[in-house]
C-alpha atoms as a PDB file:
ATOM      1  CA  MET A   1      53.645  79.203-109.181  1.00  0.00           C
ATOM      2  CA  ASP A   2      56.306  79.201-112.036  1.00  0.00           C
ATOM      3  CA  ILE A   3      58.779  76.285-112.324  1.00  0.00           C
ATOM      4  CA  SER A   4      62.437  76.918-111.290  1.00  0.00           C
ATOM      5  CA  LEU A   5      65.718  75.373-113.382  1.00  0.00           C
ATOM      6  CA  GLU A   6      66.128  73.405-111.042  1.00  0.00           C
ATOM      7  CA  ASN A   7      62.595  71.550-110.959  1.00  0.00           C
ATOM      8  CA  VAL A   8      63.566  71.040-114.582  1.00  0.00           C
ATOM      9  CA  ARG A   9      66.836  69.468-113.912  1.00  0.00           C
ATOM     10  CA  HIS A  10      65.993  67.471-110.966  1.00  0.00           C
ATOM     11  CA  VAL A  11      62.628  66.375-113.247  1.00  0.00           C
ATOM     12  CA  ALA A  12      65.646  65.661-116.016  1.00  0.00           C
ATOM     13  CA  LYS A  13      67.944  63.586-113.691  1.00  0.00           C
ATOM     14  CA  LEU A  14      64.396  60.843-112.061  1.00  0.00           C
ATOM     15  CA  SER A  15      63.518  60.737-115.952  1.00  0.00           C
ATOM     16  CA  ARG A  16      67.498  60.156-116.831  1.00  0.00           C
ATOM     17  CA  LEU A  17      67.659  62.826-119.502  1.00  0.00           C
ATOM     18  CA  ASN A  18      70.856  64.063-120.010  1.00  0.00           C
ATOM     19  CA  LEU A  19      70.197  67.707-121.219  1.00  0.00           C
ATOM     20  CA  THR A  20      73.247  70.175-122.474  1.00  0.00           C
ATOM     21  CA  SER A  21      71.532  73.860-119.829  1.00  0.00           C
ATOM     22  CA  ALA A  22      70.375  75.340-122.942  1.00  0.00           C
ATOM     23  CA  GLU A  23      68.060  72.663-123.050  1.00  0.00           C
ATOM     24  CA  GLU A  24      67.202  73.021-119.482  1.00  0.00           C
ATOM     25  CA  GLU A  25      66.554  76.457-120.221  1.00  0.00           C
ATOM     26  CA  LEU A  26      64.085  75.796-123.291  1.00  0.00           C
ATOM     27  CA  MET A  27      62.430  73.332-121.122  1.00  0.00           C
ATOM     28  CA  THR A  28      61.963  75.890-117.918  1.00  0.00           C
ATOM     29  CA  GLU A  29      60.277  78.272-120.796  1.00  0.00           C
ATOM     30  CA  GLN A  30      58.396  75.793-121.944  1.00  0.00           C
ATOM     31  CA  LEU A  31      56.943  74.095-119.308  1.00  0.00           C
ATOM     32  CA  ASN A  32      56.031  77.798-117.745  1.00  0.00           C
ATOM     33  CA  ALA A  33      54.703  78.889-120.590  1.00  0.00           C
ATOM     34  CA  ILE A  34      51.993  75.584-120.477  1.00  0.00           C
ATOM     35  CA  LEU A  35      51.255  76.794-116.533  1.00  0.00           C
ATOM     36  CA  HIS A  36      51.234  80.339-117.297  1.00  0.00           C
ATOM     37  CA  TYR A  37      48.089  79.220-120.392  1.00  0.00           C
ATOM     38  CA  ALA A  38      46.581  76.245-118.408  1.00  0.00           C
ATOM     39  CA  GLU A  39      46.225  79.384-115.851  1.00  0.00           C
ATOM     40  CA  LYS A  40      43.867  81.318-117.940  1.00  0.00           C
ATOM     41  CA  LEU A  41      41.652  78.330-117.292  1.00  0.00           C
ATOM     42  CA  ASN A  42      40.756  79.785-114.045  1.00  0.00           C
ATOM     43  CA  GLU A  43      39.958  82.440-115.814  1.00  0.00           C
ATOM     44  CA  LEU A  44      37.027  81.090-117.117  1.00  0.00           C
ATOM     45  CA  GLU A  45      33.168  81.366-114.917  1.00  0.00           C
ATOM     46  CA  THR A  46      32.642  77.771-114.530  1.00  0.00           C
ATOM     47  CA  ASP A  47      29.701  77.860-111.907  1.00  0.00           C
ATOM     48  CA  GLU A  48      26.499  77.442-113.290  1.00  0.00           C
ATOM     49  CA  VAL A  49      28.765  74.138-115.884  1.00  0.00           C
ATOM     50  CA  GLU A  50      27.648  70.680-114.631  1.00  0.00           C
ATOM     51  CA  PRO A  51      30.582  68.657-113.859  1.00  0.00           C
ATOM     52  CA  THR A  52      30.675  65.761-117.013  1.00  0.00           C
ATOM     53  CA  THR A  53      33.162  62.925-117.784  1.00  0.00           C
ATOM     54  CA  HIS A  54      33.243  63.675-121.748  1.00  0.00           C
ATOM     55  CA  VAL A  55      32.441  66.395-123.440  1.00  0.00           C
ATOM     56  CA  LEU A  56      30.130  64.668-126.084  1.00  0.00           C
ATOM     57  CA  HIS A  57      26.787  62.199-125.043  1.00  0.00           C
ATOM     58  CA  VAL A  58      28.139  58.545-124.772  1.00  0.00           C
ATOM     59  CA  SER A  59      25.443  56.256-124.771  1.00  0.00           C
ATOM     60  CA  ASN A  60      25.807  52.682-126.103  1.00  0.00           C
ATOM     61  CA  VAL A  61      23.435  51.633-128.528  1.00  0.00           C
ATOM     62  CA  MET A  62      21.286  48.384-127.986  1.00  0.00           C
ATOM     63  CA  ARG A  63      19.140  46.216-129.914  1.00  0.00           C
ATOM     64  CA  GLU A  64      17.229  43.519-129.251  1.00  0.00           C
ATOM     65  CA  ASP A  65      18.427  39.988-129.022  1.00  0.00           C
ATOM     66  CA  GLU A  66      17.513  37.847-132.173  1.00  0.00           C
ATOM     67  CA  ALA A  67      18.512  34.485-132.790  1.00  0.00           C
ATOM     68  CA  ARG A  68      18.778  34.500-137.150  1.00  0.00           C
ATOM     69  CA  PRO A  69      19.853  31.192-138.685  1.00  0.00           C
ATOM     70  CA  SER A  70      23.648  30.114-137.619  1.00  0.00           C
ATOM     71  CA  LEU A  71      26.207  26.935-138.631  1.00  0.00           C
ATOM     72  CA  THR A  72      25.378  23.923-137.978  1.00  0.00           C
ATOM     73  CA  LEU A  73      27.074  21.604-135.994  1.00  0.00           C
ATOM     74  CA  GLU A  74      27.956  19.349-138.745  1.00  0.00           C
ATOM     75  CA  GLN A  75      29.496  22.523-140.898  1.00  0.00           C
ATOM     76  CA  VAL A  76      30.981  23.454-137.327  1.00  0.00           C
ATOM     77  CA  MET A  77      32.931  20.656-137.178  1.00  0.00           C
ATOM     78  CA  ARG A  78      34.233  20.604-140.154  1.00  0.00           C
ATOM     79  CA  ASN A  79      37.176  23.217-139.162  1.00  0.00           C
ATOM     80  CA  ALA A  80      38.231  21.580-136.036  1.00  0.00           C
ATOM     81  CA  PRO A  81      41.184  18.804-136.676  1.00  0.00           C
ATOM     82  CA  GLU A  82      39.955  16.278-133.751  1.00  0.00           C
ATOM     83  CA  GLU A  83      36.626  16.224-132.238  1.00  0.00           C
ATOM     84  CA  GLU A  84      35.142  14.624-129.656  1.00  0.00           C
ATOM     85  CA  ASP A  85      31.122  14.679-129.153  1.00  0.00           C
ATOM     86  CA  GLY A  86      30.176  17.305-130.498  1.00  0.00           C
ATOM     87  CA  GLN A  87      32.972  18.999-129.745  1.00  0.00           C
ATOM     88  CA  PHE A  88      36.256  20.553-130.332  1.00  0.00           C
ATOM     89  CA  LYS A  89      39.292  18.013-128.995  1.00  0.00           C
ATOM     90  CA  VAL A  90      42.653  20.073-128.094  1.00  0.00           C
ATOM     91  CA  PRO A  91      45.796  18.932-126.450  1.00  0.00           C
ATOM     92  CA  ALA A  92      45.940  18.150-123.160  1.00  0.00           C
ATOM     93  CA  ILE A  93      48.609  20.621-121.343  1.00  0.00           C
ATOM     94  CA  LEU A  94      48.437  19.390-118.406  1.00  0.00           C
ATOM     95  CA  GLU A  95      51.655  18.091-117.363  1.00  0.00           C
END
């Protein structure tokens, strides 16, 4: 499959790119080179290769949930501008 000069002009127009005729020809050559390189992948024997979503094995690293010491309520509320009933008090934003 080849990209034509008209294809490049059409895409440039859709993208609102003002390309000179030299740039249009350069883009046509470069896009065709990319497509021809990608076509080489079709030559590979992939019948025995399983489809994957990632080239590396990816897994979540999980750990046991452990209760650990934490700040006391009093220590946490020291940073609160306002506090009410052990909770941060914030201004109402409803009208």
